[in-house]
Amino acid sequence: MYSGSDIARVPKKLGVYSLVRSVKNQSTTEWVYTGMSGNLRERVGQHLLQQTGTYSGNKNAASVNLERLTHVRWWDISHIDWPDDVTTEYVDSKKQVKVAKKGEKDWKQFLAGAAEIIIKNRYPPMIDDQAKPKGLAPDVAKSPKFQEEIEKIIEKYSETELPSLENLHRRINQMDSRILALEKLIENLDTES
């Protein structure tokens, strides 16, 4: 249904993404699904190009109706540093003390997970994977300094419109309305002549 060119604007950066449906003639947006990734384009591509779903917290498959989506929105958080009011030490699944180091997988996962928590609170998704945030993500999300950084970007998301059936249907309806308006205009001109 989608091709790589449809998501070419999505950066290959650390961040949070949302698959959304803007509801026409209503000023509402359905935030269908929100997730995070170390490579936004790759993860969005898994949803849209490979049509892989996500999983709920209990590992039940949750699929997104791709035809109804209208946009992909994202927040690049690659420029946001670790808040100095949160430790980088954590205990891993093997009960070993580790330190998240800048640029490494766990560091990225905790920052993106924290941003996802804050963004989901602002824009609750219709489908929530209900996965428990990993490691230090909840602590980072509680940091006033980190919250301040996310607040600076939360309303300034980037987006790309998808060539979905939903958008195609809208464009056809818009063209129909314009054609009817032109026909009416021509009819009025003919009756005036």
Protein backbone atom coordinates (compact mmCIF):
# COMPACT_ATOMS: atom_id res chain seq x y z
CA MET A 1 0.00 0.00 0.00
CA TYR A 2 2.81 2.42 0.85
CA SER A 3 6.27 2.84 -0.60
CA GLY A 4 9.55 4.12 0.80
CA SER A 5 9.03 7.50 -0.87
CA ASP A 6 5.87 8.00 1.21
CA ILE A 7 7.94 8.19 4.39
CA ALA A 8 11.13 9.72 2.95
CA ARG A 9 10.66 12.85 5.09
CA VAL A 10 10.67 10.84 8.32
CA PRO A 11 14.22 11.14 9.69
CA LYS A 12 16.45 8.26 10.67
CA LYS A 13 16.78 9.76 14.13
CA LEU A 14 15.88 9.04 17.73
CA GLY A 15 12.36 10.04 18.60
CA VAL A 16 8.67 9.39 19.01
CA TYR A 17 6.15 8.91 16.19
CA SER A 18 2.37 8.81 15.92
CA LEU A 19 0.16 7.27 13.27
CA VAL A 20 -2.86 9.57 13.08
CA ARG A 21 -6.17 10.12 11.37
CA SER A 22 -7.40 13.67 11.03
CA VAL A 23 -11.17 13.68 11.00
CA LYS A 24 -12.51 15.86 8.20
CA ASN A 25 -14.99 18.63 9.06
CA GLN A 26 -14.10 18.15 12.70
CA SER A 27 -11.18 19.75 14.40
CA THR A 28 -10.21 16.44 15.95
CA THR A 29 -7.34 14.11 15.41
CA GLU A 30 -7.41 10.44 16.24
CA TRP A 31 -4.00 9.56 17.62
CA VAL A 32 -4.21 5.93 16.54
CA TYR A 33 -0.84 4.63 17.72
CA THR A 34 2.25 6.19 19.29
CA GLY A 35 5.65 4.58 19.64
CA MET A 36 9.33 5.38 19.96
CA SER A 37 12.43 4.34 18.11
CA GLY A 38 16.14 4.93 17.71
CA ASN A 39 15.44 5.15 13.95
CA LEU A 40 12.06 6.73 13.26
CA ARG A 41 11.98 6.02 9.51
CA GLU A 42 12.82 2.36 10.02
CA ARG A 43 10.12 1.85 12.67
CA VAL A 44 7.44 3.78 10.77
CA GLY A 45 8.42 1.74 7.71
CA GLN A 46 7.84 -1.47 9.64
CA HIS A 47 4.27 -0.33 10.31
CA LEU A 48 3.48 1.11 6.89
CA LEU A 49 5.69 -0.73 4.41
CA GLN A 50 6.08 -4.14 5.99
CA GLN A 51 2.65 -3.88 7.62
CA THR A 52 3.85 -5.29 10.90
CA GLY A 53 1.66 -4.52 13.84
CA THR A 54 2.52 -3.90 17.40
CA TYR A 55 1.71 -5.81 20.51
CA SER A 56 -0.29 -4.97 23.55
CA GLY A 57 1.28 -5.34 26.96
CA ASN A 58 0.01 -8.92 27.13
CA LYS A 59 1.52 -9.67 23.71
CA ASN A 60 -1.78 -9.83 21.86
CA ALA A 61 -1.43 -8.52 18.32
CA ALA A 62 -2.91 -5.08 17.77
CA SER A 63 -3.18 -4.01 14.16
CA VAL A 64 -3.68 -0.55 12.76
CA ASN A 65 -6.08 0.02 9.86
CA LEU A 66 -3.50 1.57 7.53
CA GLU A 67 -6.11 2.67 4.98
CA ARG A 68 -7.70 5.04 7.49
CA LEU A 69 -4.48 6.83 8.48
CA THR A 70 -3.95 10.32 7.12
CA HIS A 71 -0.58 11.37 8.56
CA VAL A 72 2.56 10.30 10.34
CA ARG A 73 3.72 12.78 12.97
CA TRP A 74 7.03 12.68 14.76
CA TRP A 75 9.23 14.38 17.31
CA ASP A 76 13.01 14.26 16.80
CA ILE A 77 14.58 14.11 20.26
CA SER A 78 18.14 13.39 19.12
CA HIS A 79 19.23 16.86 20.29
CA ILE A 80 17.91 16.43 23.83
CA ASP A 81 20.50 15.55 26.45
CA TRP A 82 20.16 13.40 29.48
CA PRO A 83 18.74 15.50 32.34
CA ASP A 84 21.34 16.11 35.02
CA ASP A 85 18.76 15.59 37.76
CA VAL A 86 18.43 11.86 36.87
CA THR A 87 21.08 9.22 37.51
CA THR A 88 22.35 7.16 34.59
CA GLU A 89 22.73 4.05 36.77
CA TYR A 90 20.11 1.34 36.52
CA VAL A 91 19.61 -2.34 37.28
CA ASP A 92 19.15 -4.51 34.19
CA SER A 93 16.96 -7.61 33.84
CA LYS A 94 19.83 -9.77 35.14
CA LYS A 95 19.96 -7.68 38.32
CA GLN A 96 23.29 -6.13 37.33
CA VAL A 97 24.03 -2.45 37.90
CA LYS A 98 24.66 -0.72 34.58
CA VAL A 99 25.32 2.84 33.47
CA ALA A 100 23.51 4.29 30.46
CA LYS A 101 26.14 5.96 28.27
CA LYS A 102 25.40 8.67 25.76
CA GLY A 103 24.59 7.33 22.33
CA GLU A 104 24.29 3.70 23.40
CA LYS A 105 21.13 1.65 22.92
CA ASP A 106 19.91 1.75 26.53
CA TRP A 107 20.52 5.51 26.80
CA LYS A 108 18.50 6.11 23.61
CA GLN A 109 15.77 3.72 24.70
CA PHE A 110 15.35 5.44 28.07
CA LEU A 111 15.24 8.96 26.56
CA ALA A 112 12.82 7.97 23.80
CA GLY A 113 10.72 6.02 26.29
CA ALA A 114 10.51 9.06 28.57
CA ALA A 115 9.49 11.29 25.66
CA GLU A 116 6.88 8.72 24.63
CA ILE A 117 5.38 8.75 28.16
CA ILE A 118 5.01 12.55 28.09
CA ILE A 119 3.66 12.66 24.53
CA LYS A 120 1.13 9.88 25.21
CA ASN A 121 -0.10 11.86 28.21
CA ARG A 122 -0.72 14.88 25.95
CA TYR A 123 -2.05 12.92 22.97
CA PRO A 124 -3.50 9.62 24.24
CA PRO A 125 -3.43 6.99 21.49
CA MET A 126 -6.43 4.86 20.58
CA ILE A 127 -4.25 1.74 20.57
CA ASP A 128 -1.81 1.62 23.44
CA ASP A 129 0.69 -1.19 23.59
CA GLN A 130 0.54 -0.87 27.38
CA ALA A 131 4.15 -1.95 27.59
CA LYS A 132 5.83 -0.97 30.80
CA PRO A 133 8.46 1.70 30.08
CA LYS A 134 11.93 0.24 30.33
CA GLY A 135 14.69 1.05 32.77
CA LEU A 136 15.10 4.71 33.60
CA ALA A 137 12.44 6.00 31.20
CA PRO A 138 9.87 6.67 33.98
CA ASP A 139 12.49 8.53 36.04
CA VAL A 140 13.58 10.63 33.06
CA ALA A 141 9.90 11.39 32.25
CA LYS A 142 9.47 12.79 35.78
CA SER A 143 12.47 15.10 35.45
CA PRO A 144 11.33 18.75 35.34
CA LYS A 145 14.29 19.55 33.09
CA PHE A 146 13.38 16.80 30.63
CA GLN A 147 9.69 17.75 30.72
CA GLU A 148 10.67 21.32 29.91
CA GLU A 149 12.67 20.14 26.87
CA ILE A 150 9.76 18.03 25.60
CA GLU A 151 7.30 20.89 26.17
CA LYS A 152 9.43 23.02 23.83
CA ILE A 153 8.85 20.57 20.97
CA ILE A 154 5.57 18.81 21.76
CA GLU A 155 3.35 21.19 19.76
CA LYS A 156 5.94 21.52 16.98
CA TYR A 157 5.76 17.99 15.65
CA SER A 158 6.74 17.30 12.07
CA GLU A 159 4.36 15.42 9.81
CA THR A 160 3.88 13.94 6.41
CA GLU A 161 0.58 13.22 4.71
CA LEU A 162 0.00 9.65 3.66
CA PRO A 163 -1.46 8.61 0.28
CA SER A 164 -4.07 6.50 2.07
CA LEU A 165 -7.52 5.52 0.92
CA GLU A 166 -8.88 7.94 3.53
CA ASN A 167 -7.00 10.86 1.93
CA LEU A 168 -7.87 9.68 -1.59
CA HIS A 169 -11.55 9.60 -0.65
CA ARG A 170 -11.29 13.14 0.76
CA ARG A 171 -9.65 14.43 -2.40
CA ILE A 172 -12.34 12.86 -4.59
CA ASN A 173 -15.04 14.52 -2.45
CA GLN A 174 -13.24 17.87 -2.71
CA MET A 175 -12.99 17.52 -6.49
CA ASP A 176 -16.68 16.60 -6.70
CA SER A 177 -17.57 19.75 -4.73
CA ARG A 178 -15.40 21.91 -7.00
CA ILE A 179 -16.88 20.38 -10.15
CA LEU A 180 -20.41 20.99 -8.85
CA ALA A 181 -19.50 24.61 -8.07
CA LEU A 182 -18.07 25.06 -11.58
CA GLU A 183 -21.14 23.47 -13.19
CA LYS A 184 -23.38 25.80 -11.19
CA LEU A 185 -21.27 28.79 -12.23
CA ILE A 186 -21.47 27.75 -15.90
CA GLU A 187 -25.20 27.18 -15.59
CA ASN A 188 -25.65 30.67 -14.11
CA LEU A 189 -23.55 32.19 -16.91
CA ASP A 190 -25.65 30.36 -19.53
CA THR A 191 -28.93 31.61 -18.01
CA GLU A 192 -27.58 35.20 -17.92
CA SER A 193 -26.66 35.10 -21.62
